[in-house]
């Protein structure tokens, strides 16, 4: 099905609203992810004690959240322009990069926790 044609065909050059709304929902998902990462960063900075790397981990979460928000917005704009031209958006690597960064950070957090537990209070 051509994303620029409404169901049943109509010959219009306007993109199907369903695709535009799906693009907006995707942007909102990126923003939820960004806010969650930033809230985690603030939580680490405010509430984690006894962990030497808390500053690095907290700031990393804040920066990762900001990056996720910017990437999501950029992806939204690119997809919007492509849909309005009657094209499919380019595939991006941002989801893989954010997922990789979150997994790497989880490993760092787990290691930091284990080190703190082994060293005791």
N, C-alpha and C. Protein backbone atom coordinates (compact mmCIF):
# COMPACT_ATOMS: atom_id res chain seq x y z
N UNK A 1 0.84 -1.18 0.00
CA UNK A 1 0.00 0.00 0.00
C UNK A 1 0.88 1.24 0.00
N UNK A 2 0.55 2.17 -0.82
CA UNK A 2 1.28 3.43 -0.92
C UNK A 2 0.94 4.32 0.27
N UNK A 3 1.96 4.76 1.07
CA UNK A 3 1.67 5.56 2.26
C UNK A 3 1.09 6.93 1.97
N UNK A 4 1.14 7.36 0.70
CA UNK A 4 0.61 8.69 0.38
C UNK A 4 -0.84 8.61 -0.07
N UNK A 5 -1.37 7.43 -0.23
CA UNK A 5 -2.74 7.27 -0.72
C UNK A 5 -3.66 6.86 0.42
N UNK A 6 -4.83 7.48 0.53
CA UNK A 6 -5.79 7.05 1.54
C UNK A 6 -6.36 5.69 1.17
N UNK A 7 -6.97 4.98 2.12
CA UNK A 7 -7.59 3.70 1.81
C UNK A 7 -8.62 3.87 0.70
N UNK A 8 -8.65 2.97 -0.23
CA UNK A 8 -9.58 3.04 -1.34
C UNK A 8 -9.09 3.90 -2.48
N UNK A 9 -7.91 4.49 -2.34
CA UNK A 9 -7.35 5.33 -3.40
C UNK A 9 -8.14 6.62 -3.54
N UNK A 10 -7.58 7.65 -3.85
CA UNK A 10 -8.28 8.91 -4.03
C UNK A 10 -7.45 9.85 -4.85
N UNK A 11 -6.22 9.43 -5.13
CA UNK A 11 -5.35 10.22 -5.97
C UNK A 11 -4.77 11.45 -5.29
N UNK A 12 -4.94 11.59 -4.01
CA UNK A 12 -4.41 12.77 -3.33
C UNK A 12 -2.91 12.64 -3.12
N UNK A 13 -2.23 13.79 -3.04
CA UNK A 13 -0.79 13.76 -2.77
C UNK A 13 -0.49 13.97 -1.30
N UNK A 14 -1.54 14.24 -0.49
CA UNK A 14 -1.33 14.37 0.95
C UNK A 14 -1.06 13.00 1.55
N UNK A 15 -0.14 12.94 2.51
CA UNK A 15 0.13 11.66 3.14
C UNK A 15 -1.07 11.21 3.97
N UNK A 16 -1.19 9.92 4.12
CA UNK A 16 -2.24 9.35 4.95
C UNK A 16 -2.00 9.79 6.39
N UNK A 17 -3.02 10.31 7.02
CA UNK A 17 -2.89 10.82 8.39
C UNK A 17 -2.43 9.75 9.36
N UNK A 18 -2.75 8.49 9.09
CA UNK A 18 -2.33 7.41 9.99
C UNK A 18 -0.81 7.34 10.07
N UNK A 19 -0.13 7.58 8.98
CA UNK A 19 1.34 7.53 8.98
C UNK A 19 1.92 8.73 9.72
N UNK A 20 1.31 9.89 9.55
CA UNK A 20 1.78 11.08 10.27
C UNK A 20 1.57 10.93 11.77
N UNK A 21 0.41 10.37 12.15
CA UNK A 21 0.14 10.17 13.58
C UNK A 21 1.04 9.09 14.17
N UNK A 22 1.35 8.06 13.39
CA UNK A 22 2.28 7.03 13.88
C UNK A 22 3.66 7.64 14.09
N UNK A 23 4.05 8.55 13.21
CA UNK A 23 5.34 9.23 13.35
C UNK A 23 5.34 10.06 14.65
N UNK A 24 4.23 10.73 14.95
CA UNK A 24 4.15 11.50 16.19
C UNK A 24 4.21 10.59 17.41
N UNK A 25 3.56 9.44 17.35
CA UNK A 25 3.62 8.50 18.48
C UNK A 25 5.04 7.99 18.68
N UNK A 26 5.77 7.81 17.60
CA UNK A 26 7.16 7.39 17.72
C UNK A 26 7.99 8.47 18.40
N UNK A 27 7.76 9.74 18.03
CA UNK A 27 8.45 10.83 18.70
C UNK A 27 8.14 10.82 20.19
N UNK A 28 6.89 10.62 20.55
CA UNK A 28 6.52 10.59 21.97
C UNK A 28 7.21 9.43 22.69
N UNK A 29 7.39 8.31 22.03
CA UNK A 29 8.11 7.19 22.64
C UNK A 29 9.58 7.55 22.88
N UNK A 30 10.18 8.23 21.92
CA UNK A 30 11.57 8.69 22.11
C UNK A 30 11.65 9.65 23.30
N UNK A 31 10.67 10.55 23.40
CA UNK A 31 10.69 11.52 24.49
C UNK A 31 10.47 10.85 25.84
N UNK A 32 9.60 9.84 25.89
CA UNK A 32 9.42 9.08 27.14
C UNK A 32 10.72 8.41 27.54
N UNK A 33 11.40 7.84 26.58
CA UNK A 33 12.68 7.20 26.86
C UNK A 33 13.68 8.22 27.37
N UNK A 34 13.73 9.38 26.72
CA UNK A 34 14.66 10.43 27.14
C UNK A 34 14.37 10.89 28.57
N UNK A 35 13.11 11.12 28.87
CA UNK A 35 12.75 11.55 30.22
C UNK A 35 13.06 10.48 31.27
N UNK A 36 12.85 9.23 30.92
CA UNK A 36 13.15 8.14 31.85
C UNK A 36 14.64 8.08 32.14
N UNK A 37 15.46 8.20 31.11
CA UNK A 37 16.91 8.20 31.31
C UNK A 37 17.34 9.39 32.17
N UNK A 38 16.76 10.54 31.91
CA UNK A 38 17.12 11.72 32.69
C UNK A 38 16.64 11.60 34.14
N UNK A 39 15.47 11.05 34.34
CA UNK A 39 14.99 10.84 35.71
C UNK A 39 15.89 9.86 36.45
N UNK A 40 16.36 8.84 35.75
CA UNK A 40 17.31 7.92 36.35
C UNK A 40 18.61 8.62 36.72
N UNK A 41 19.07 9.51 35.87
CA UNK A 41 20.29 10.27 36.16
C UNK A 41 20.13 11.14 37.39
N UNK A 42 19.01 11.83 37.48
CA UNK A 42 18.75 12.67 38.65
C UNK A 42 18.64 11.79 39.90
N UNK A 43 17.98 10.64 39.76
CA UNK A 43 17.86 9.72 40.89
C UNK A 43 19.21 9.24 41.39
N UNK A 44 20.08 8.88 40.47
CA UNK A 44 21.42 8.44 40.87
C UNK A 44 22.17 9.57 41.56
N UNK A 45 22.10 10.76 40.98
CA UNK A 45 22.84 11.89 41.56
C UNK A 45 22.30 12.29 42.93
N UNK A 46 21.00 12.17 43.14
CA UNK A 46 20.40 12.63 44.39
C UNK A 46 20.36 11.57 45.49
N UNK A 47 20.17 10.32 45.13
CA UNK A 47 19.86 9.32 46.14
C UNK A 47 20.90 8.23 46.34
N UNK A 48 21.80 8.07 45.41
CA UNK A 48 22.82 7.02 45.55
C UNK A 48 23.96 7.58 46.40
N UNK A 49 24.28 6.85 47.43
CA UNK A 49 25.39 7.25 48.30
C UNK A 49 26.39 6.10 48.37
N UNK A 50 27.60 6.42 48.68
CA UNK A 50 28.61 5.39 48.84
C UNK A 50 29.12 4.78 47.55
N UNK A 51 28.85 5.42 46.45
CA UNK A 51 29.30 4.91 45.15
C UNK A 51 30.17 5.98 44.51
N UNK A 52 31.44 5.67 44.34
CA UNK A 52 32.38 6.67 43.81
C UNK A 52 32.01 7.13 42.41
N UNK A 53 31.43 6.25 41.62
CA UNK A 53 31.14 6.57 40.22
C UNK A 53 29.76 7.18 40.04
N UNK A 54 29.09 7.56 41.12
CA UNK A 54 27.71 8.03 40.99
C UNK A 54 27.62 9.28 40.12
N UNK A 55 28.61 10.18 40.21
CA UNK A 55 28.60 11.38 39.39
C UNK A 55 28.71 11.06 37.92
N UNK A 56 29.62 10.18 37.60
CA UNK A 56 29.81 9.78 36.19
C UNK A 56 28.58 9.07 35.66
N UNK A 57 28.03 8.17 36.46
CA UNK A 57 26.86 7.41 36.02
C UNK A 57 25.65 8.34 35.87
N UNK A 58 25.44 9.22 36.86
CA UNK A 58 24.30 10.13 36.79
C UNK A 58 24.38 11.08 35.61
N UNK A 59 25.54 11.66 35.40
CA UNK A 59 25.71 12.59 34.27
C UNK A 59 25.59 11.84 32.95
N UNK A 60 26.12 10.63 32.89
CA UNK A 60 25.98 9.82 31.67
C UNK A 60 24.52 9.57 31.34
N UNK A 61 23.72 9.26 32.35
CA UNK A 61 22.29 9.06 32.12
C UNK A 61 21.62 10.35 31.64
N UNK A 62 22.00 11.47 32.23
CA UNK A 62 21.43 12.75 31.79
C UNK A 62 21.78 13.05 30.33
N UNK A 63 23.03 12.84 29.98
CA UNK A 63 23.48 13.11 28.60
C UNK A 63 22.83 12.12 27.63
N UNK A 64 22.74 10.87 28.02
CA UNK A 64 22.10 9.87 27.17
C UNK A 64 20.63 10.22 26.95
N UNK A 65 19.97 10.70 28.00
CA UNK A 65 18.58 11.13 27.85
C UNK A 65 18.44 12.31 26.92
N UNK A 66 19.32 13.28 27.05
CA UNK A 66 19.28 14.43 26.15
C UNK A 66 19.53 14.00 24.70
N UNK A 67 20.48 13.09 24.52
CA UNK A 67 20.78 12.59 23.17
C UNK A 67 19.58 11.84 22.59
N UNK A 68 18.91 11.04 23.41
CA UNK A 68 17.74 10.30 22.93
C UNK A 68 16.64 11.26 22.49
N UNK A 69 16.44 12.33 23.25
CA UNK A 69 15.44 13.32 22.86
C UNK A 69 15.77 14.00 21.54
N UNK A 70 17.03 14.37 21.38
CA UNK A 70 17.45 15.03 20.14
C UNK A 70 17.37 14.08 18.94
N UNK A 71 17.80 12.84 19.14
CA UNK A 71 17.74 11.85 18.06
C UNK A 71 16.29 11.59 17.67
N UNK A 72 15.42 11.48 18.67
CA UNK A 72 14.01 11.25 18.39
C UNK A 72 13.39 12.38 17.60
N UNK A 73 13.73 13.61 17.98
CA UNK A 73 13.19 14.76 17.25
C UNK A 73 13.74 14.80 15.82
N UNK A 74 15.01 14.55 15.67
CA UNK A 74 15.61 14.55 14.32
C UNK A 74 14.96 13.48 13.44
N UNK A 75 14.77 12.30 14.04
CA UNK A 75 14.14 11.19 13.30
C UNK A 75 12.70 11.57 12.91
N UNK A 76 11.99 12.21 13.82
CA UNK A 76 10.63 12.65 13.54
C UNK A 76 10.59 13.59 12.34
N UNK A 77 11.50 14.59 12.34
CA UNK A 77 11.52 15.56 11.24
C UNK A 77 11.87 14.89 9.91
N UNK A 78 12.86 13.98 9.93
CA UNK A 78 13.24 13.29 8.69
C UNK A 78 12.09 12.45 8.16
N UNK A 79 11.43 11.72 9.04
CA UNK A 79 10.32 10.87 8.62
C UNK A 79 9.15 11.71 8.11
N UNK A 80 8.88 12.83 8.78
CA UNK A 80 7.79 13.71 8.35
C UNK A 80 8.04 14.23 6.94
N UNK A 81 9.26 14.69 6.70
CA UNK A 81 9.59 15.20 5.35
C UNK A 81 9.46 14.09 4.30
N UNK A 82 9.95 12.90 4.63
CA UNK A 82 9.88 11.80 3.67
C UNK A 82 8.42 11.43 3.38
N UNK A 83 7.59 11.34 4.42
CA UNK A 83 6.18 10.99 4.21
C UNK A 83 5.46 12.02 3.37
N UNK A 84 5.79 13.28 3.59
CA UNK A 84 5.14 14.34 2.81
C UNK A 84 5.60 14.36 1.36
N UNK A 85 6.77 13.79 1.09
CA UNK A 85 7.25 13.66 -0.30
C UNK A 85 6.74 12.37 -0.94
N UNK A 86 6.04 11.55 -0.17
CA UNK A 86 5.54 10.29 -0.71
C UNK A 86 6.58 9.19 -0.69
N UNK A 87 7.60 9.32 0.16
CA UNK A 87 8.66 8.33 0.26
C UNK A 87 8.60 7.66 1.63
N UNK A 88 9.30 6.55 1.72
CA UNK A 88 9.47 5.91 3.03
C UNK A 88 10.67 6.53 3.72
N UNK A 89 10.61 6.69 5.04
CA UNK A 89 11.77 7.24 5.76
C UNK A 89 12.97 6.30 5.67
N UNK A 90 14.16 6.90 5.72
CA UNK A 90 15.40 6.11 5.75
C UNK A 90 15.45 5.31 7.04
N UNK A 91 16.05 4.15 6.96
CA UNK A 91 16.28 3.37 8.18
C UNK A 91 17.39 4.05 8.97
N UNK A 92 17.25 4.07 10.27
CA UNK A 92 18.24 4.71 11.12
C UNK A 92 18.91 3.72 12.04
N UNK A 93 20.02 4.13 12.62
CA UNK A 93 20.75 3.27 13.56
C UNK A 93 20.57 3.74 14.99
N UNK A 94 19.85 4.84 15.20
CA UNK A 94 19.70 5.40 16.54
C UNK A 94 19.10 4.42 17.55
N UNK A 95 18.06 3.66 17.21
CA UNK A 95 17.54 2.72 18.21
C UNK A 95 18.59 1.71 18.69
N UNK A 96 19.40 1.23 17.76
CA UNK A 96 20.45 0.28 18.14
C UNK A 96 21.49 0.94 19.03
N UNK A 97 21.85 2.18 18.71
CA UNK A 97 22.85 2.88 19.52
C UNK A 97 22.35 3.17 20.93
N UNK A 98 21.10 3.60 21.05
CA UNK A 98 20.55 3.87 22.37
C UNK A 98 20.42 2.57 23.16
N UNK A 99 19.97 1.51 22.52
CA UNK A 99 19.87 0.21 23.20
C UNK A 99 21.24 -0.26 23.67
N UNK A 100 22.24 -0.13 22.83
CA UNK A 100 23.59 -0.53 23.20
C UNK A 100 24.11 0.30 24.37
N UNK A 101 23.85 1.60 24.35
CA UNK A 101 24.29 2.46 25.44
C UNK A 101 23.60 2.12 26.75
N UNK A 102 22.31 1.80 26.69
CA UNK A 102 21.57 1.43 27.90
C UNK A 102 22.08 0.10 28.46
N UNK A 103 22.34 -0.86 27.60
CA UNK A 103 22.88 -2.15 28.05
C UNK A 103 24.27 -1.96 28.66
N UNK A 104 25.12 -1.18 28.00
CA UNK A 104 26.46 -0.93 28.54
C UNK A 104 26.38 -0.24 29.89
N UNK A 105 25.48 0.71 30.03
CA UNK A 105 25.32 1.39 31.30
C UNK A 105 24.80 0.45 32.37
N UNK A 106 23.91 -0.45 32.02
CA UNK A 106 23.41 -1.44 32.98
C UNK A 106 24.55 -2.32 33.48
N UNK A 107 25.45 -2.72 32.60
CA UNK A 107 26.60 -3.52 33.00
C UNK A 107 27.49 -2.73 33.95
N UNK A 108 27.73 -1.46 33.63
CA UNK A 108 28.55 -0.61 34.50
C UNK A 108 27.88 -0.45 35.87
N UNK A 109 26.58 -0.23 35.89
CA UNK A 109 25.86 -0.10 37.16
C UNK A 109 25.93 -1.38 37.99
N UNK A 110 25.76 -2.51 37.33
CA UNK A 110 25.83 -3.79 38.04
C UNK A 110 27.23 -4.00 38.62
N UNK A 111 28.24 -3.70 37.85
CA UNK A 111 29.62 -3.85 38.35
C UNK A 111 29.88 -2.89 39.50
N UNK A 112 29.43 -1.65 39.39
CA UNK A 112 29.62 -0.67 40.46
C UNK A 112 28.91 -1.13 41.73
N UNK A 113 27.72 -1.67 41.58
CA UNK A 113 26.99 -2.18 42.74
C UNK A 113 27.74 -3.33 43.41
N UNK A 114 28.20 -4.26 42.59
CA UNK A 114 28.94 -5.41 43.14
C UNK A 114 30.22 -4.98 43.84
N UNK A 115 30.94 -4.05 43.28
CA UNK A 115 32.16 -3.54 43.91
C UNK A 115 31.84 -2.87 45.23
N UNK A 116 30.76 -2.08 45.27
CA UNK A 116 30.36 -1.40 46.50
C UNK A 116 29.93 -2.42 47.56
N UNK A 117 29.27 -3.47 47.17
CA UNK A 117 28.84 -4.50 48.12
C UNK A 117 30.02 -5.27 48.66
N UNK A 118 30.99 -5.57 47.81
CA UNK A 118 32.17 -6.32 48.26
C UNK A 118 33.04 -5.50 49.20
N UNK A 119 33.10 -4.19 48.99
CA UNK A 119 33.90 -3.32 49.84
C UNK A 119 33.20 -3.03 51.16
N UNK A 120 31.91 -3.27 51.25
CA UNK A 120 31.19 -3.07 52.50
C UNK A 120 30.95 -1.61 52.80
N UNK A 121 30.27 -1.35 53.96
CA UNK A 121 29.93 0.03 54.32
C UNK A 121 31.09 0.84 54.77
